[in-house]
Amino acid sequence: MATSDATAQRLRVTYAAGQATDWNGVAEPLRHGIVRLAAHLFANRDTPEERGPPAVVAALWRPYRQLRLGGGLGGAIVLAGAPWGGSSW
């Protein structure tokens, strides 16, 4: 929500981010992926050239991923989950 006060000429922006207020509120596949990613990063801490999460983590997170197509002033199409890699339309 954005509000403005004409006399102060300020803008206040309030937002909420995230999926849950605590660890137990996060979906199980996301929690599992976070733990696996942390273990992977720890085990491979001496190989900084590696990019992206391991395939198993990406697979756990795929249903929760949003893909944005387009943009600009005309808006964008947002897809929840990816339509490839095992998911279906």
PDB file of N, CA and C in Angstrom:
ATOM      1  N   MET A   1       0.844  -1.161   0.000  1.00  0.00           N
ATOM      2  CA  MET A   1       0.000   0.000   0.000  1.00  0.00           C
ATOM      3  C   MET A   1       0.890   1.224   0.000  1.00  0.00           C
ATOM      4  N   ALA A   2       0.604   2.175  -0.842  1.00  0.00           N
ATOM      5  CA  ALA A   2       1.372   3.408  -0.893  1.00  0.00           C
ATOM      6  C   ALA A   2       0.453   4.567  -0.543  1.00  0.00           C
ATOM      7  N   THR A   3       0.933   5.426   0.319  1.00  0.00           N
ATOM      8  CA  THR A   3       0.185   6.624   0.672  1.00  0.00           C
ATOM      9  C   THR A   3       1.125   7.807   0.590  1.00  0.00           C
ATOM     10  N   SER A   4       0.576   8.991   0.385  1.00  0.00           N
ATOM     11  CA  SER A   4       1.426  10.177   0.368  1.00  0.00           C
ATOM     12  C   SER A   4       0.747  11.289   1.141  1.00  0.00           C
ATOM     13  N   ASP A   5       1.543  12.144   1.723  1.00  0.00           N
ATOM     14  CA  ASP A   5       1.076  13.312   2.453  1.00  0.00           C
ATOM     15  C   ASP A   5       1.563  14.524   1.666  1.00  0.00           C
ATOM     16  N   ALA A   6       0.655  15.315   1.118  1.00  0.00           N
ATOM     17  CA  ALA A   6       1.025  16.418   0.234  1.00  0.00           C
ATOM     18  C   ALA A   6       1.868  17.465   0.951  1.00  0.00           C
ATOM     19  N   THR A   7       1.661  17.657   2.242  1.00  0.00           N
ATOM     20  CA  THR A   7       2.433  18.674   2.947  1.00  0.00           C
ATOM     21  C   THR A   7       3.857  18.214   3.230  1.00  0.00           C
ATOM     22  N   ALA A   8       4.060  16.956   3.503  1.00  0.00           N
ATOM     23  CA  ALA A   8       5.395  16.444   3.808  1.00  0.00           C
ATOM     24  C   ALA A   8       6.143  16.034   2.553  1.00  0.00           C
ATOM     25  N   GLN A   9       5.437  15.799   1.477  1.00  0.00           N
ATOM     26  CA  GLN A   9       6.008  15.326   0.218  1.00  0.00           C
ATOM     27  C   GLN A   9       6.851  14.076   0.418  1.00  0.00           C
ATOM     28  N   ARG A  10       6.272  13.112   1.080  1.00  0.00           N
ATOM     29  CA  ARG A  10       6.914  11.825   1.310  1.00  0.00           C
ATOM     30  C   ARG A  10       6.018  10.730   0.781  1.00  0.00           C
ATOM     31  N   LEU A  11       6.608   9.622   0.550  1.00  0.00           N
ATOM     32  CA  LEU A  11       5.868   8.444   0.103  1.00  0.00           C
ATOM     33  C   LEU A  11       6.194   7.310   1.060  1.00  0.00           C
ATOM     34  N   ARG A  12       5.173   6.665   1.577  1.00  0.00           N
ATOM     35  CA  ARG A  12       5.369   5.516   2.451  1.00  0.00           C
ATOM     36  C   ARG A  12       4.930   4.271   1.700  1.00  0.00           C
ATOM     37  N   VAL A  13       5.803   3.287   1.636  1.00  0.00           N
ATOM     38  CA  VAL A  13       5.508   2.025   0.963  1.00  0.00           C
ATOM     39  C   VAL A  13       5.552   0.922   2.008  1.00  0.00           C
ATOM     40  N   THR A  14       4.500   0.133   2.066  1.00  0.00           N
ATOM     41  CA  THR A  14       4.424  -1.001   2.977  1.00  0.00           C
ATOM     42  C   THR A  14       4.265  -2.264   2.143  1.00  0.00           C
ATOM     43  N   TYR A  15       5.061  -3.291   2.444  1.00  0.00           N
ATOM     44  CA  TYR A  15       4.961  -4.546   1.699  1.00  0.00           C
ATOM     45  C   TYR A  15       5.260  -5.721   2.627  1.00  0.00           C
ATOM     46  N   ALA A  16       4.817  -6.857   2.207  1.00  0.00           N
ATOM     47  CA  ALA A  16       5.112  -8.103   2.908  1.00  0.00           C
ATOM     48  C   ALA A  16       5.771  -9.039   1.905  1.00  0.00           C
ATOM     49  N   ALA A  17       6.832  -9.689   2.325  1.00  0.00           N
ATOM     50  CA  ALA A  17       7.552 -10.609   1.445  1.00  0.00           C
ATOM     51  C   ALA A  17       7.713 -11.949   2.148  1.00  0.00           C
ATOM     52  N   GLY A  18       7.808 -12.976   1.375  1.00  0.00           N
ATOM     53  CA  GLY A  18       8.025 -14.293   1.939  1.00  0.00           C
ATOM     54  C   GLY A  18       6.775 -15.149   1.877  1.00  0.00           C
ATOM     55  N   GLN A  19       6.946 -16.393   2.275  1.00  0.00           N
ATOM     56  CA  GLN A  19       5.840 -17.334   2.207  1.00  0.00           C
ATOM     57  C   GLN A  19       5.229 -17.606   3.566  1.00  0.00           C
ATOM     58  N   ALA A  20       6.016 -17.502   4.620  1.00  0.00           N
ATOM     59  CA  ALA A  20       5.518 -17.876   5.940  1.00  0.00           C
ATOM     60  C   ALA A  20       6.197 -17.036   7.009  1.00  0.00           C
ATOM     61  N   THR A  21       5.623 -17.050   8.201  1.00  0.00           N
ATOM     62  CA  THR A  21       6.210 -16.289   9.302  1.00  0.00           C
ATOM     63  C   THR A  21       7.240 -17.082  10.093  1.00  0.00           C
ATOM     64  N   ASP A  22       7.246 -18.408   9.952  1.00  0.00           N
ATOM     65  CA  ASP A  22       8.247 -19.230  10.628  1.00  0.00           C
ATOM     66  C   ASP A  22       8.578 -20.454   9.772  1.00  0.00           C
ATOM     67  N   TRP A  23       9.588 -21.199  10.202  1.00  0.00           N
ATOM     68  CA  TRP A  23      10.092 -22.339   9.436  1.00  0.00           C
ATOM     69  C   TRP A  23       9.008 -23.389   9.185  1.00  0.00           C
ATOM     70  N   ASN A  24       8.151 -23.637  10.144  1.00  0.00           N
ATOM     71  CA  ASN A  24       7.113 -24.660   9.993  1.00  0.00           C
ATOM     72  C   ASN A  24       6.022 -24.255   9.011  1.00  0.00           C
ATOM     73  N   GLY A  25       5.926 -22.986   8.702  1.00  0.00           N
ATOM     74  CA  GLY A  25       4.941 -22.523   7.736  1.00  0.00           C
ATOM     75  C   GLY A  25       5.392 -22.662   6.292  1.00  0.00           C
ATOM     76  N   VAL A  26       6.659 -22.958   6.084  1.00  0.00           N
ATOM     77  CA  VAL A  26       7.207 -23.138   4.735  1.00  0.00           C
ATOM     78  C   VAL A  26       6.862 -24.544   4.251  1.00  0.00           C
ATOM     79  N   ALA A  27       6.484 -24.652   2.994  1.00  0.00           N
ATOM     80  CA  ALA A  27       6.114 -25.952   2.423  1.00  0.00           C
ATOM     81  C   ALA A  27       7.272 -26.943   2.538  1.00  0.00           C
ATOM     82  N   GLU A  28       6.935 -28.196   2.783  1.00  0.00           N
ATOM     83  CA  GLU A  28       7.941 -29.244   2.996  1.00  0.00           C
ATOM     84  C   GLU A  28       8.962 -29.348   1.851  1.00  0.00           C
ATOM     85  N   PRO A  29       8.551 -29.341   0.566  1.00  0.00           N
ATOM     86  CA  PRO A  29       9.564 -29.418  -0.497  1.00  0.00           C
ATOM     87  C   PRO A  29      10.531 -28.232  -0.475  1.00  0.00           C
ATOM     88  N   LEU A  30      10.052 -27.058  -0.121  1.00  0.00           N
ATOM     89  CA  LEU A  30      10.938 -25.894  -0.035  1.00  0.00           C
ATOM     90  C   LEU A  30      11.922 -26.046   1.123  1.00  0.00           C
ATOM     91  N   ARG A  31      11.437 -26.503   2.265  1.00  0.00           N
ATOM     92  CA  ARG A  31      12.320 -26.716   3.422  1.00  0.00           C
ATOM     93  C   ARG A  31      13.373 -27.769   3.100  1.00  0.00           C
ATOM     94  N   HIS A  32      12.940 -28.848   2.490  1.00  0.00           N
ATOM     95  CA  HIS A  32      13.873 -29.929   2.131  1.00  0.00           C
ATOM     96  C   HIS A  32      14.930 -29.410   1.151  1.00  0.00           C
ATOM     97  N   GLY A  33      14.494 -28.612   0.182  1.00  0.00           N
ATOM     98  CA  GLY A  33      15.427 -28.043  -0.789  1.00  0.00           C
ATOM     99  C   GLY A  33      16.427 -27.096  -0.149  1.00  0.00           C
ATOM    100  N   ILE A  34      15.986 -26.308   0.821  1.00  0.00           N
ATOM    101  CA  ILE A  34      16.889 -25.384   1.517  1.00  0.00           C
ATOM    102  C   ILE A  34      17.970 -26.156   2.263  1.00  0.00           C
ATOM    103  N   VAL A  35      17.567 -27.214   2.961  1.00  0.00           N
ATOM    104  CA  VAL A  35      18.538 -28.023   3.711  1.00  0.00           C
ATOM    105  C   VAL A  35      19.514 -28.689   2.756  1.00  0.00           C
ATOM    106  N   ARG A  36      19.001 -29.243   1.657  1.00  0.00           N
ATOM    107  CA  ARG A  36      19.894 -29.904   0.686  1.00  0.00           C
ATOM    108  C   ARG A  36      20.834 -28.913   0.021  1.00  0.00           C
ATOM    109  N   LEU A  37      20.337 -27.708  -0.276  1.00  0.00           N
ATOM    110  CA  LEU A  37      21.198 -26.694  -0.883  1.00  0.00           C
ATOM    111  C   LEU A  37      22.297 -26.265   0.090  1.00  0.00           C
ATOM    112  N   ALA A  38      21.951 -26.070   1.358  1.00  0.00           N
ATOM    113  CA  ALA A  38      22.961 -25.707   2.353  1.00  0.00           C
ATOM    114  C   ALA A  38      24.024 -26.795   2.472  1.00  0.00           C
ATOM    115  N   ALA A  39      23.604 -28.056   2.488  1.00  0.00           N
ATOM    116  CA  ALA A  39      24.564 -29.163   2.566  1.00  0.00           C
ATOM    117  C   ALA A  39      25.441 -29.209   1.317  1.00  0.00           C
ATOM    118  N   HIS A  40      24.841 -28.984   0.156  1.00  0.00           N
ATOM    119  CA  HIS A  40      25.595 -28.987  -1.098  1.00  0.00           C
ATOM    120  C   HIS A  40      26.623 -27.856  -1.115  1.00  0.00           C
ATOM    121  N   LEU A  41      26.207 -26.658  -0.712  1.00  0.00           N
ATOM    122  CA  LEU A  41      27.128 -25.522  -0.708  1.00  0.00           C
ATOM    123  C   LEU A  41      28.267 -25.736   0.276  1.00  0.00           C
ATOM    124  N   PHE A  42      27.969 -26.346   1.428  1.00  0.00           N
ATOM    125  CA  PHE A  42      29.022 -26.631   2.398  1.00  0.00           C
ATOM    126  C   PHE A  42      29.998 -27.662   1.839  1.00  0.00           C
ATOM    127  N   ALA A  43      29.467 -28.722   1.250  1.00  0.00           N
ATOM    128  CA  ALA A  43      30.333 -29.782   0.719  1.00  0.00           C
ATOM    129  C   ALA A  43      31.178 -29.298  -0.453  1.00  0.00           C
ATOM    130  N   ASN A  44      30.694 -28.307  -1.194  1.00  0.00           N
ATOM    131  CA  ASN A  44      31.400 -27.807  -2.375  1.00  0.00           C
ATOM    132  C   ASN A  44      31.897 -26.376  -2.173  1.00  0.00           C
ATOM    133  N   ARG A  45      32.241 -26.032  -0.951  1.00  0.00           N
ATOM    134  CA  ARG A  45      32.649 -24.662  -0.650  1.00  0.00           C
ATOM    135  C   ARG A  45      33.964 -24.258  -1.305  1.00  0.00           C
ATOM    136  N   ASP A  46      34.748 -25.219  -1.773  1.00  0.00           N
ATOM    137  CA  ASP A  46      36.020 -24.914  -2.420  1.00  0.00           C
ATOM    138  C   ASP A  46      35.911 -24.846  -3.939  1.00  0.00           C
ATOM    139  N   THR A  47      34.698 -24.950  -4.487  1.00  0.00           N
ATOM    140  CA  THR A  47      34.497 -24.885  -5.937  1.00  0.00           C
ATOM    141  C   THR A  47      33.556 -23.725  -6.273  1.00  0.00           C
ATOM    142  N   PRO A  48      34.066 -22.482  -6.260  1.00  0.00           N
ATOM    143  CA  PRO A  48      33.198 -21.322  -6.465  1.00  0.00           C
ATOM    144  C   PRO A  48      32.662 -21.173  -7.886  1.00  0.00           C
ATOM    145  N   GLU A  49      33.230 -21.905  -8.846  1.00  0.00           N
ATOM    146  CA  GLU A  49      32.786 -21.764 -10.227  1.00  0.00           C
ATOM    147  C   GLU A  49      31.451 -22.444 -10.516  1.00  0.00           C
ATOM    148  N   GLU A  50      30.952 -23.218  -9.581  1.00  0.00           N
ATOM    149  CA  GLU A  50      29.672 -23.899  -9.784  1.00  0.00           C
ATOM    150  C   GLU A  50      28.535 -22.890  -9.787  1.00  0.00           C
ATOM    151  N   ARG A  51      27.565 -23.082 -10.688  1.00  0.00           N
ATOM    152  CA  ARG A  51      26.455 -22.144 -10.833  1.00  0.00           C
ATOM    153  C   ARG A  51      25.124 -22.851 -10.584  1.00  0.00           C
ATOM    154  N   GLY A  52      24.242 -22.183  -9.870  1.00  0.00           N
ATOM    155  CA  GLY A  52      22.889 -22.682  -9.684  1.00  0.00           C
ATOM    156  C   GLY A  52      22.788 -23.819  -8.692  1.00  0.00           C
ATOM    157  N   PRO A  53      21.568 -24.098  -8.276  1.00  0.00           N
ATOM    158  CA  PRO A  53      21.355 -25.198  -7.327  1.00  0.00           C
ATOM    159  C   PRO A  53      21.473 -26.551  -8.026  1.00  0.00           C
ATOM    160  N   PRO A  54      21.732 -27.611  -7.266  1.00  0.00           N
ATOM    161  CA  PRO A  54      21.760 -28.954  -7.848  1.00  0.00           C
ATOM    162  C   PRO A  54      20.391 -29.303  -8.443  1.00  0.00           C
ATOM    163  N   ALA A  55      20.379 -30.237  -9.361  1.00  0.00           N
ATOM    164  CA  ALA A  55      19.144 -30.616 -10.055  1.00  0.00           C
ATOM    165  C   ALA A  55      18.059 -31.082  -9.092  1.00  0.00           C
ATOM    166  N   VAL A  56      18.429 -31.801  -8.043  1.00  0.00           N
ATOM    167  CA  VAL A  56      17.425 -32.299  -7.097  1.00  0.00           C
ATOM    168  C   VAL A  56      16.756 -31.126  -6.361  1.00  0.00           C
ATOM    169  N   VAL A  57      17.515 -30.094  -6.046  1.00  0.00           N
ATOM    170  CA  VAL A  57      16.949 -28.926  -5.377  1.00  0.00           C
ATOM    171  C   VAL A  57      16.037 -28.160  -6.338  1.00  0.00           C
ATOM    172  N   ALA A  58      16.494 -27.983  -7.565  1.00  0.00           N
ATOM    173  CA  ALA A  58      15.671 -27.304  -8.567  1.00  0.00           C
ATOM    174  C   ALA A  58      14.354 -28.053  -8.792  1.00  0.00           C
ATOM    175  N   ALA A  59      14.412 -29.377  -8.780  1.00  0.00           N
ATOM    176  CA  ALA A  59      13.199 -30.177  -8.973  1.00  0.00           C
ATOM    177  C   ALA A  59      12.232 -30.006  -7.795  1.00  0.00           C
ATOM    178  N   LEU A  60      12.771 -29.913  -6.580  1.00  0.00           N
ATOM    179  CA  LEU A  60      11.912 -29.707  -5.409  1.00  0.00           C
ATOM    180  C   LEU A  60      11.237 -28.340  -5.448  1.00  0.00           C
ATOM    181  N   TRP A  61      11.942 -27.343  -5.962  1.00  0.00           N
ATOM    182  CA  TRP A  61      11.436 -25.970  -5.968  1.00  0.00           C
ATOM    183  C   TRP A  61      10.611 -25.637  -7.205  1.00  0.00           C
ATOM    184  N   ARG A  62      10.681 -26.470  -8.241  1.00  0.00           N
ATOM    185  CA  ARG A  62      10.014 -26.148  -9.514  1.00  0.00           C
ATOM    186  C   ARG A  62       8.519 -25.825  -9.372  1.00  0.00           C
ATOM    187  N   PRO A  63       7.738 -26.546  -8.585  1.00  0.00           N
ATOM    188  CA  PRO A  63       6.310 -26.210  -8.488  1.00  0.00           C
ATOM    189  C   PRO A  63       6.038 -24.841  -7.857  1.00  0.00           C
ATOM    190  N   TYR A  64       7.011 -24.287  -7.156  1.00  0.00           N
ATOM    191  CA  TYR A  64       6.825 -23.010  -6.468  1.00  0.00           C
ATOM    192  C   TYR A  64       7.440 -21.841  -7.232  1.00  0.00           C
ATOM    193  N   ARG A  65       8.055 -22.135  -8.350  1.00  0.00           N
ATOM    194  CA  ARG A  65       8.741 -21.119  -9.143  1.00  0.00           C
ATOM    195  C   ARG A  65       7.750 -20.371 -10.014  1.00  0.00           C
ATOM    196  N   GLN A  66       7.936 -19.056 -10.130  1.00  0.00           N
ATOM    197  CA  GLN A  66       7.118 -18.273 -11.033  1.00  0.00           C
ATOM    198  C   GLN A  66       7.985 -17.805 -12.184  1.00  0.00           C
ATOM    199  N   LEU A  67       7.453 -17.878 -13.374  1.00  0.00           N
ATOM    200  CA  LEU A  67       8.159 -17.469 -14.573  1.00  0.00           C
ATOM    201  C   LEU A  67       7.420 -16.282 -15.155  1.00  0.00           C
ATOM    202  N   ARG A  68       8.129 -15.196 -15.381  1.00  0.00           N
ATOM    203  CA  ARG A  68       7.515 -13.987 -15.922  1.00  0.00           C
ATOM    204  C   ARG A  68       7.934 -13.840 -17.389  1.00  0.00           C
ATOM    205  N   LEU A  69       6.939 -13.699 -18.251  1.00  0.00           N
ATOM    206  CA  LEU A  69       7.167 -13.489 -19.673  1.00  0.00           C
ATOM    207  C   LEU A  69       6.689 -12.090 -20.048  1.00  0.00           C
ATOM    208  N   GLY A  70       7.472 -11.379 -20.804  1.00  0.00           N
ATOM    209  CA  GLY A  70       7.055 -10.048 -21.228  1.00  0.00           C
ATOM    210  C   GLY A  70       7.403  -9.020 -20.185  1.00  0.00           C
ATOM    211  N   GLY A  71       6.581  -8.036 -20.052  1.00  0.00           N
ATOM    212  CA  GLY A  71       6.826  -6.969 -19.087  1.00  0.00           C
ATOM    213  C   GLY A  71       6.552  -5.628 -19.718  1.00  0.00           C
ATOM    214  N   GLY A  72       7.199  -4.604 -19.210  1.00  0.00           N
ATOM    215  CA  GLY A  72       6.974  -3.266 -19.715  1.00  0.00           C
ATOM    216  C   GLY A  72       5.627  -2.732 -19.281  1.00  0.00           C
ATOM    217  N   LEU A  73       5.147  -1.731 -19.983  1.00  0.00           N
ATOM    218  CA  LEU A  73       3.890  -1.086 -19.613  1.00  0.00           C
ATOM    219  C   LEU A  73       2.675  -1.938 -19.941  1.00  0.00           C
ATOM    220  N   GLY A  74       2.827  -2.883 -20.867  1.00  0.00           N
ATOM    221  CA  GLY A  74       1.697  -3.701 -21.274  1.00  0.00           C
ATOM    222  C   GLY A  74       1.394  -4.855 -20.340  1.00  0.00           C
ATOM    223  N   GLY A  75       2.169  -5.020 -19.293  1.00  0.00           N
ATOM    224  CA  GLY A  75       1.943  -6.119 -18.368  1.00  0.00           C
ATOM    225  C   GLY A  75       2.777  -7.326 -18.735  1.00  0.00           C
ATOM    226  N   ALA A  76       2.568  -8.389 -18.034  1.00  0.00           N
ATOM    227  CA  ALA A  76       3.339  -9.600 -18.259  1.00  0.00           C
ATOM    228  C   ALA A  76       2.467 -10.802 -17.959  1.00  0.00           C
ATOM    229  N   ILE A  77       2.884 -11.931 -18.489  1.00  0.00           N
ATOM    230  CA  ILE A  77       2.227 -13.202 -18.201  1.00  0.00           C
ATOM    231  C   ILE A  77       3.060 -13.889 -17.132  1.00  0.00           C
ATOM    232  N   VAL A  78       2.431 -14.292 -16.048  1.00  0.00           N
ATOM    233  CA  VAL A  78       3.136 -14.975 -14.966  1.00  0.00           C
ATOM    234  C   VAL A  78       2.624 -16.402 -14.898  1.00  0.00           C
ATOM    235  N   LEU A  79       3.539 -17.345 -15.005  1.00  0.00           N
ATOM    236  CA  LEU A  79       3.197 -18.760 -14.928  1.00  0.00           C
ATOM    237  C   LEU A  79       3.706 -19.300 -13.602  1.00  0.00           C
ATOM    238  N   ALA A  80       2.881 -19.995 -12.876  1.00  0.00           N
ATOM    239  CA  ALA A  80       3.312 -20.644 -11.638  1.00  0.00           C
ATOM    240  C   ALA A  80       3.834 -22.025 -11.997  1.00  0.00           C
ATOM    241  N   GLY A  81       5.063 -22.288 -11.665  1.00  0.00           N
ATOM    242  CA  GLY A  81       5.690 -23.542 -12.055  1.00  0.00           C
ATOM    243  C   GLY A  81       6.144 -23.462 -13.498  1.00  0.00           C
ATOM    244  N   ALA A  82       6.961 -24.359 -13.890  1.00  0.00           N
ATOM    245  CA  ALA A  82       7.477 -24.355 -15.255  1.00  0.00           C
ATOM    246  C   ALA A  82       6.693 -25.349 -16.100  1.00  0.00           C
ATOM    247  N   PRO A  83       6.329 -25.001 -17.330  1.00  0.00           N
ATOM    248  CA  PRO A  83       5.562 -25.914 -18.179  1.00  0.00           C
ATOM    249  C   PRO A  83       6.430 -26.980 -18.831  1.00  0.00           C
ATOM    250  N   TRP A  84       7.672 -27.098 -18.458  1.00  0.00           N
ATOM    251  CA  TRP A  84       8.566 -28.101 -19.026  1.00  0.00           C
ATOM    252  C   TRP A  84       9.213 -28.882 -17.884  1.00  0.00           C
ATOM    253  N   GLY A  85       9.958 -29.872 -18.202  1.00  0.00           N
ATOM    254  CA  GLY A  85      10.677 -30.623 -17.201  1.00  0.00           C
ATOM    255  C   GLY A  85       9.812 -31.463 -16.292  1.00  0.00           C
ATOM    256  N   GLY A  86       8.781 -32.068 -16.840  1.00  0.00           N
ATOM    257  CA  GLY A  86       7.955 -32.951 -16.038  1.00  0.00           C
ATOM    258  C   GLY A  86       6.640 -32.350 -15.620  1.00  0.00           C
ATOM    259  N   SER A  87       6.532 -31.029 -15.632  1.00  0.00           N
ATOM    260  CA  SER A  87       5.251 -30.415 -15.300  1.00  0.00           C
ATOM    261  C   SER A  87       4.382 -30.388 -16.541  1.00  0.00           C
ATOM    262  N   SER A  88       3.111 -30.253 -16.358  1.00  0.00           N
ATOM    263  CA  SER A  88       2.211 -30.192 -17.496  1.00  0.00           C
ATOM    264  C   SER A  88       1.413 -28.910 -17.446  1.00  0.00           C
ATOM    265  N   TRP A  89       0.853 -28.534 -18.583  1.00  0.00           N
ATOM    266  CA  TRP A  89       0.039 -27.320 -18.638  1.00  0.00           C
ATOM    267  C   TRP A  89      -1.201 -27.580 -17.931  1.00  0.00           C
TER     268      TRP A  89
END
